[in-house]
PDB file of all heavy atoms in Angstrom:
ATOM      1  N   LEU A   1      -2.408   4.720   6.154  1.00  0.00           N
ATOM      2  CA  LEU A   1      -2.550   5.317   7.483  1.00  0.00           C
ATOM      3  C   LEU A   1      -3.588   6.425   7.481  1.00  0.00           C
ATOM      4  O   LEU A   1      -4.421   6.523   8.397  1.00  0.00           O
ATOM      5  CB  LEU A   1      -1.191   5.871   7.938  1.00  0.00           C
ATOM      6  CG  LEU A   1      -1.152   6.588   9.284  1.00  0.00           C
ATOM      7  CD1 LEU A   1      -1.551   5.643  10.406  1.00  0.00           C
ATOM      8  CD2 LEU A   1       0.238   7.157   9.531  1.00  0.00           C
ATOM      9  N   ALA A   2      -3.569   7.256   6.436  1.00  0.00           N
ATOM     10  CA  ALA A   2      -4.522   8.364   6.363  1.00  0.00           C
ATOM     11  C   ALA A   2      -5.957   7.860   6.282  1.00  0.00           C
ATOM     12  O   ALA A   2      -6.871   8.417   6.917  1.00  0.00           O
ATOM     13  CB  ALA A   2      -4.200   9.247   5.155  1.00  0.00           C
ATOM     14  N   VAL A   3      -6.192   6.806   5.511  1.00  0.00           N
ATOM     15  CA  VAL A   3      -7.536   6.242   5.399  1.00  0.00           C
ATOM     16  C   VAL A   3      -8.012   5.716   6.755  1.00  0.00           C
ATOM     17  O   VAL A   3      -9.173   5.916   7.157  1.00  0.00           O
ATOM     18  CB  VAL A   3      -7.558   5.124   4.338  1.00  0.00           C
ATOM     19  CG1 VAL A   3      -8.835   4.308   4.436  1.00  0.00           C
ATOM     20  CG2 VAL A   3      -7.437   5.721   2.939  1.00  0.00           C
ATOM     21  N   MET A   4      -7.125   5.049   7.477  1.00  0.00           N
ATOM     22  CA  MET A   4      -7.488   4.526   8.796  1.00  0.00           C
ATOM     23  C   MET A   4      -7.792   5.654   9.783  1.00  0.00           C
ATOM     24  O   MET A   4      -8.761   5.591  10.549  1.00  0.00           O
ATOM     25  CB  MET A   4      -6.363   3.650   9.343  1.00  0.00           C
ATOM     26  CG  MET A   4      -6.081   2.407   8.517  1.00  0.00           C
ATOM     27  SD  MET A   4      -7.504   1.295   8.371  1.00  0.00           S
ATOM     28  CE  MET A   4      -7.537   0.629  10.030  1.00  0.00           C
ATOM     29  N   GLN A   5      -6.969   6.709   9.745  1.00  0.00           N
ATOM     30  CA  GLN A   5      -7.174   7.823  10.674  1.00  0.00           C
ATOM     31  C   GLN A   5      -8.455   8.592  10.372  1.00  0.00           C
ATOM     32  O   GLN A   5      -9.074   9.146  11.281  1.00  0.00           O
ATOM     33  CB  GLN A   5      -5.958   8.754  10.635  1.00  0.00           C
ATOM     34  CG  GLN A   5      -4.700   8.132  11.252  1.00  0.00           C
ATOM     35  CD  GLN A   5      -3.508   9.048  11.183  1.00  0.00           C
ATOM     36  OE1 GLN A   5      -3.355   9.842  10.247  1.00  0.00           O
ATOM     37  NE2 GLN A   5      -2.620   8.954  12.164  1.00  0.00           N
ATOM     38  N   ARG A   6      -8.862   8.608   9.097  1.00  0.00           N
ATOM     39  CA  ARG A   6     -10.113   9.283   8.731  1.00  0.00           C
ATOM     40  C   ARG A   6     -11.329   8.392   8.951  1.00  0.00           C
ATOM     41  O   ARG A   6     -12.457   8.831   8.771  1.00  0.00           O
ATOM     42  CB  ARG A   6     -10.066   9.731   7.262  1.00  0.00           C
ATOM     43  CG  ARG A   6      -9.053  10.837   6.966  1.00  0.00           C
ATOM     44  CD  ARG A   6      -9.311  11.462   5.596  1.00  0.00           C
ATOM     45  NE  ARG A   6      -9.242  10.489   4.520  1.00  0.00           N
ATOM     46  CZ  ARG A   6      -8.165  10.261   3.760  1.00  0.00           C
ATOM     47  NH1 ARG A   6      -7.039  10.953   4.005  1.00  0.00           N
ATOM     48  NH2 ARG A   6      -8.181   9.363   2.795  1.00  0.00           N
ATOM     49  N   GLY A   7     -11.118   7.139   9.310  1.00  0.00           N
ATOM     50  CA  GLY A   7     -12.221   6.223   9.529  1.00  0.00           C
ATOM     51  C   GLY A   7     -12.933   5.823   8.252  1.00  0.00           C
ATOM     52  O   GLY A   7     -14.125   5.513   8.273  1.00  0.00           O
ATOM     53  N   GLU A   8     -12.200   5.792   7.133  1.00  0.00           N
ATOM     54  CA  GLU A   8     -12.820   5.529   5.834  1.00  0.00           C
ATOM     55  C   GLU A   8     -12.619   4.100   5.340  1.00  0.00           C
ATOM     56  O   GLU A   8     -13.087   3.752   4.254  1.00  0.00           O
ATOM     57  CB  GLU A   8     -12.273   6.515   4.795  1.00  0.00           C
ATOM     58  CG  GLU A   8     -12.600   7.975   5.097  1.00  0.00           C
ATOM     59  CD  GLU A   8     -11.958   8.927   4.103  1.00  0.00           C
ATOM     60  OE1 GLU A   8     -11.183   8.450   3.240  1.00  0.00           O
ATOM     61  OE2 GLU A   8     -12.209  10.148   4.189  1.00  0.00           O
ATOM     62  N   TRP A   9     -11.918   3.261   6.099  1.00  0.00           N
ATOM     63  CA  TRP A   9     -11.647   1.913   5.605  1.00  0.00           C
ATOM     64  C   TRP A   9     -12.878   1.034   5.775  1.00  0.00           C
ATOM     65  O   TRP A   9     -13.446   0.921   6.860  1.00  0.00           O
ATOM     66  CB  TRP A   9     -10.476   1.307   6.373  1.00  0.00           C
ATOM     67  CG  TRP A   9     -10.014  -0.001   5.819  1.00  0.00           C
ATOM     68  CD1 TRP A   9      -9.677  -0.289   4.540  1.00  0.00           C
ATOM     69  CD2 TRP A   9      -9.833  -1.214   6.563  1.00  0.00           C
ATOM     70  NE1 TRP A   9      -9.293  -1.590   4.413  1.00  0.00           N
ATOM     71  CE2 TRP A   9      -9.375  -2.195   5.644  1.00  0.00           C
ATOM     72  CE3 TRP A   9     -10.005  -1.573   7.900  1.00  0.00           C
ATOM     73  CZ2 TRP A   9      -9.085  -3.509   6.020  1.00  0.00           C
ATOM     74  CZ3 TRP A   9      -9.720  -2.876   8.284  1.00  0.00           C
ATOM     75  CH2 TRP A   9      -9.266  -3.839   7.351  1.00  0.00           C
ATOM     76  N   SER A  10     -13.282   0.391   4.692  1.00  0.00           N
ATOM     77  CA  SER A  10     -14.476  -0.456   4.725  1.00  0.00           C
ATOM     78  C   SER A  10     -14.132  -1.938   4.617  1.00  0.00           C
ATOM     79  O   SER A  10     -15.034  -2.778   4.565  1.00  0.00           O
ATOM     80  CB  SER A  10     -15.426  -0.073   3.582  1.00  0.00           C
ATOM     81  OG  SER A  10     -14.765  -0.184   2.324  1.00  0.00           O
ATOM     82  N   GLY A  11     -12.858  -2.256   4.592  1.00  0.00           N
ATOM     83  CA  GLY A  11     -12.469  -3.661   4.530  1.00  0.00           C
ATOM     84  C   GLY A  11     -11.485  -3.933   3.407  1.00  0.00           C
ATOM     85  O   GLY A  11     -11.268  -3.103   2.519  1.00  0.00           O
ATOM     86  N   TRP A  12     -10.905  -5.132   3.446  1.00  0.00           N
ATOM     87  CA  TRP A  12      -9.887  -5.527   2.479  1.00  0.00           C
ATOM     88  C   TRP A  12     -10.460  -5.632   1.078  1.00  0.00           C
ATOM     89  O   TRP A  12     -11.618  -6.040   0.892  1.00  0.00           O
ATOM     90  CB  TRP A  12      -9.309  -6.878   2.900  1.00  0.00           C
ATOM     91  CG  TRP A  12      -8.247  -7.393   1.984  1.00  0.00           C
ATOM     92  CD1 TRP A  12      -6.917  -7.108   2.015  1.00  0.00           C
ATOM     93  CD2 TRP A  12      -8.424  -8.310   0.888  1.00  0.00           C
ATOM     94  NE1 TRP A  12      -6.251  -7.775   1.025  1.00  0.00           N
ATOM     95  CE2 TRP A  12      -7.144  -8.525   0.307  1.00  0.00           C
ATOM     96  CE3 TRP A  12      -9.535  -8.951   0.339  1.00  0.00           C
ATOM     97  CZ2 TRP A  12      -6.948  -9.362  -0.782  1.00  0.00           C
ATOM     98  CZ3 TRP A  12      -9.337  -9.797  -0.755  1.00  0.00           C
ATOM     99  CH2 TRP A  12      -8.064  -9.998  -1.310  1.00  0.00           C
ATOM    100  N   ALA A  13      -9.651  -5.240   0.086  1.00  0.00           N
ATOM    101  CA  ALA A  13     -10.054  -5.387  -1.314  1.00  0.00           C
ATOM    102  C   ALA A  13      -8.834  -5.811  -2.129  1.00  0.00           C
ATOM    103  O   ALA A  13      -7.715  -5.370  -1.854  1.00  0.00           O
ATOM    104  CB  ALA A  13     -10.614  -4.071  -1.852  1.00  0.00           C
ATOM    105  N   PRO A  14      -9.022  -6.659  -3.137  1.00  0.00           N
ATOM    106  CA  PRO A  14      -7.884  -7.214  -3.884  1.00  0.00           C
ATOM    107  C   PRO A  14      -7.014  -6.182  -4.576  1.00  0.00           C
ATOM    108  O   PRO A  14      -5.816  -6.421  -4.779  1.00  0.00           O
ATOM    109  CB  PRO A  14      -8.562  -8.139  -4.904  1.00  0.00           C
ATOM    110  CG  PRO A  14      -9.875  -8.471  -4.307  1.00  0.00           C
ATOM    111  CD  PRO A  14     -10.306  -7.255  -3.563  1.00  0.00           C
ATOM    112  N   THR A  15      -7.593  -5.046  -4.954  1.00  0.00           N
ATOM    113  CA  THR A  15      -6.821  -4.065  -5.719  1.00  0.00           C
ATOM    114  C   THR A  15      -6.561  -2.769  -4.950  1.00  0.00           C
ATOM    115  O   THR A  15      -6.129  -1.784  -5.540  1.00  0.00           O
ATOM    116  CB  THR A  15      -7.572  -3.737  -7.026  1.00  0.00           C
ATOM    117  OG1 THR A  15      -8.873  -3.224  -6.697  1.00  0.00           O
ATOM    118  CG2 THR A  15      -7.699  -4.956  -7.906  1.00  0.00           C
ATOM    119  N   ALA A  16      -6.815  -2.773  -3.651  1.00  0.00           N
ATOM    120  CA  ALA A  16      -6.650  -1.541  -2.871  1.00  0.00           C
ATOM    121  C   ALA A  16      -5.194  -1.353  -2.429  1.00  0.00           C
ATOM    122  O   ALA A  16      -4.533  -2.304  -2.015  1.00  0.00           O
ATOM    123  CB  ALA A  16      -7.559  -1.573  -1.648  1.00  0.00           C
ATOM    124  N   PHE A  17      -4.717  -0.155  -2.539  1.00  0.00           N
ATOM    125  CA  PHE A  17      -3.399   0.265  -2.040  1.00  0.00           C
ATOM    126  C   PHE A  17      -2.267  -0.623  -2.538  1.00  0.00           C
ATOM    127  O   PHE A  17      -1.373  -1.002  -1.778  1.00  0.00           O
ATOM    128  CB  PHE A  17      -3.391   0.300  -0.499  1.00  0.00           C
ATOM    129  CG  PHE A  17      -4.436   1.188   0.091  1.00  0.00           C
ATOM    130  CD1 PHE A  17      -5.526   0.646   0.753  1.00  0.00           C
ATOM    131  CD2 PHE A  17      -4.350   2.566  -0.037  1.00  0.00           C
ATOM    132  CE1 PHE A  17      -6.500   1.463   1.283  1.00  0.00           C
ATOM    133  CE2 PHE A  17      -5.320   3.388   0.491  1.00  0.00           C
ATOM    134  CZ  PHE A  17      -6.403   2.843   1.147  1.00  0.00           C
ATOM    135  N   LEU A  18      -2.308  -0.939  -3.815  1.00  0.00           N
ATOM    136  CA  LEU A  18      -1.266  -1.795  -4.365  1.00  0.00           C
ATOM    137  C   LEU A  18       0.047  -1.022  -4.502  1.00  0.00           C
ATOM    138  O   LEU A  18       0.118  -0.005  -5.191  1.00  0.00           O
ATOM    139  CB  LEU A  18      -1.693  -2.338  -5.725  1.00  0.00           C
ATOM    140  CG  LEU A  18      -2.918  -3.265  -5.725  1.00  0.00           C
ATOM    141  CD1 LEU A  18      -3.211  -3.735  -7.136  1.00  0.00           C
ATOM    142  CD2 LEU A  18      -2.692  -4.450  -4.793  1.00  0.00           C
ATOM    143  N   GLY A  19       1.070  -1.513  -3.844  1.00  0.00           N
ATOM    144  CA  GLY A  19       2.405  -0.936  -3.970  1.00  0.00           C
ATOM    145  C   GLY A  19       3.289  -1.853  -4.774  1.00  0.00           C
ATOM    146  O   GLY A  19       2.812  -2.606  -5.632  1.00  0.00           O
ATOM    147  N   GLY A  20       4.576  -1.780  -4.513  1.00  0.00           N
ATOM    148  CA  GLY A  20       5.514  -2.612  -5.250  1.00  0.00           C
ATOM    149  C   GLY A  20       6.409  -3.408  -4.323  1.00  0.00           C
ATOM    150  O   GLY A  20       6.759  -2.948  -3.232  1.00  0.00           O
ATOM    151  N   ARG A  21       6.787  -4.594  -4.731  1.00  0.00           N
ATOM    152  CA  ARG A  21       7.690  -5.449  -3.965  1.00  0.00           C
ATOM    153  C   ARG A  21       9.113  -4.911  -4.093  1.00  0.00           C
ATOM    154  O   ARG A  21       9.556  -4.517  -5.174  1.00  0.00           O
ATOM    155  CB  ARG A  21       7.606  -6.870  -4.504  1.00  0.00           C
ATOM    156  CG  ARG A  21       8.514  -7.872  -3.813  1.00  0.00           C
ATOM    157  CD  ARG A  21       8.379  -9.242  -4.462  1.00  0.00           C
ATOM    158  NE  ARG A  21       7.024  -9.775  -4.292  1.00  0.00           N
ATOM    159  CZ  ARG A  21       6.542 -10.791  -4.972  1.00  0.00           C
ATOM    160  NH1 ARG A  21       7.288 -11.386  -5.902  1.00  0.00           N
ATOM    161  NH2 ARG A  21       5.315 -11.231  -4.757  1.00  0.00           N
ATOM    162  N   LEU A  22       9.848  -4.915  -2.981  1.00  0.00           N
ATOM    163  CA  LEU A  22      11.227  -4.432  -3.025  1.00  0.00           C
ATOM    164  C   LEU A  22      12.176  -5.447  -3.653  1.00  0.00           C
ATOM    165  O   LEU A  22      13.096  -5.073  -4.389  1.00  0.00           O
ATOM    166  CB  LEU A  22      11.724  -4.095  -1.616  1.00  0.00           C
ATOM    167  CG  LEU A  22      11.142  -2.866  -0.924  1.00  0.00           C
ATOM    168  CD1 LEU A  22      11.930  -2.554   0.335  1.00  0.00           C
ATOM    169  CD2 LEU A  22      11.163  -1.660  -1.853  1.00  0.00           C
ATOM    170  N   GLY A  23      11.972  -6.717  -3.352  1.00  0.00           N
ATOM    171  CA  GLY A  23      12.874  -7.748  -3.839  1.00  0.00           C
ATOM    172  C   GLY A  23      13.041  -7.708  -5.343  1.00  0.00           C
ATOM    173  O   GLY A  23      12.058  -7.685  -6.084  1.00  0.00           O
ATOM    174  N   GLY A  24      14.287  -7.692  -5.805  1.00  0.00           N
ATOM    175  CA  GLY A  24      14.583  -7.684  -7.234  1.00  0.00           C
ATOM    176  C   GLY A  24      14.718  -6.302  -7.846  1.00  0.00           C
ATOM    177  O   GLY A  24      15.188  -6.173  -8.974  1.00  0.00           O
ATOM    178  N   ARG A  25      14.322  -5.268  -7.119  1.00  0.00           N
ATOM    179  CA  ARG A  25      14.449  -3.911  -7.672  1.00  0.00           C
ATOM    180  C   ARG A  25      15.897  -3.430  -7.575  1.00  0.00           C
ATOM    181  O   ARG A  25      16.676  -3.886  -6.733  1.00  0.00           O
ATOM    182  CB  ARG A  25      13.534  -2.940  -6.932  1.00  0.00           C
ATOM    183  CG  ARG A  25      12.066  -3.197  -7.152  1.00  0.00           C
ATOM    184  CD  ARG A  25      11.233  -2.019  -6.711  1.00  0.00           C
ATOM    185  NE  ARG A  25       9.814  -2.268  -6.928  1.00  0.00           N
ATOM    186  CZ  ARG A  25       8.891  -1.316  -6.979  1.00  0.00           C
ATOM    187  NH1 ARG A  25       9.240  -0.050  -6.813  1.00  0.00           N
ATOM    188  NH2 ARG A  25       7.623  -1.613  -7.186  1.00  0.00           N
ATOM    189  N   ARG A  26      16.223  -2.458  -8.434  1.00  0.00           N
ATOM    190  CA  ARG A  26      17.557  -1.870  -8.437  1.00  0.00           C
ATOM    191  C   ARG A  26      17.570  -0.603  -7.590  1.00  0.00           C
ATOM    192  O   ARG A  26      16.800   0.321  -7.833  1.00  0.00           O
ATOM    193  CB  ARG A  26      17.984  -1.517  -9.863  1.00  0.00           C
ATOM    194  CG  ARG A  26      18.231  -2.711 -10.768  1.00  0.00           C
ATOM    195  CD  ARG A  26      18.647  -2.238 -12.156  1.00  0.00           C
ATOM    196  NE  ARG A  26      19.026  -3.338 -13.018  1.00  0.00           N
ATOM    197  CZ  ARG A  26      19.431  -3.194 -14.277  1.00  0.00           C
ATOM    198  NH1 ARG A  26      19.486  -1.982 -14.819  1.00  0.00           N
ATOM    199  NH2 ARG A  26      19.771  -4.253 -14.985  1.00  0.00           N
ATOM    200  N   LEU A  27      18.460  -0.575  -6.611  1.00  0.00           N
ATOM    201  CA  LEU A  27      18.655   0.596  -5.770  1.00  0.00           C
ATOM    202  C   LEU A  27      19.957   1.268  -6.164  1.00  0.00           C
ATOM    203  O   LEU A  27      21.022   0.648  -6.109  1.00  0.00           O
ATOM    204  CB  LEU A  27      18.711   0.188  -4.289  1.00  0.00           C
ATOM    205  CG  LEU A  27      19.173   1.264  -3.302  1.00  0.00           C
ATOM    206  CD1 LEU A  27      18.167   2.417  -3.233  1.00  0.00           C
ATOM    207  CD2 LEU A  27      19.417   0.666  -1.923  1.00  0.00           C
ATOM    208  N   GLY A  28      19.890   2.550  -6.529  1.00  0.00           N
ATOM    209  CA  GLY A  28      21.077   3.318  -6.853  1.00  0.00           C
ATOM    210  C   GLY A  28      21.401   4.271  -5.715  1.00  0.00           C
ATOM    211  O   GLY A  28      20.608   5.166  -5.410  1.00  0.00           O
ATOM    212  N   ILE A  29      22.539   4.078  -5.081  1.00  0.00           N
ATOM    213  CA  ILE A  29      22.945   4.891  -3.941  1.00  0.00           C
ATOM    214  C   ILE A  29      23.885   5.984  -4.424  1.00  0.00           C
ATOM    215  O   ILE A  29      24.943   5.696  -4.998  1.00  0.00           O
ATOM    216  CB  ILE A  29      23.613   4.034  -2.849  1.00  0.00           C
ATOM    217  CG1 ILE A  29      22.629   2.978  -2.335  1.00  0.00           C
ATOM    218  CG2 ILE A  29      24.119   4.905  -1.707  1.00  0.00           C
ATOM    219  CD1 ILE A  29      23.243   1.986  -1.361  1.00  0.00           C
TER     220      ILE A  29
END
């Protein structure tokens, strides 16, 4: 969101902003 608001996004890239998938992770409540 910050990159978009600053007008710095130049397009999609394979390794940009890689996060993690939730499925299969352990959640401790």
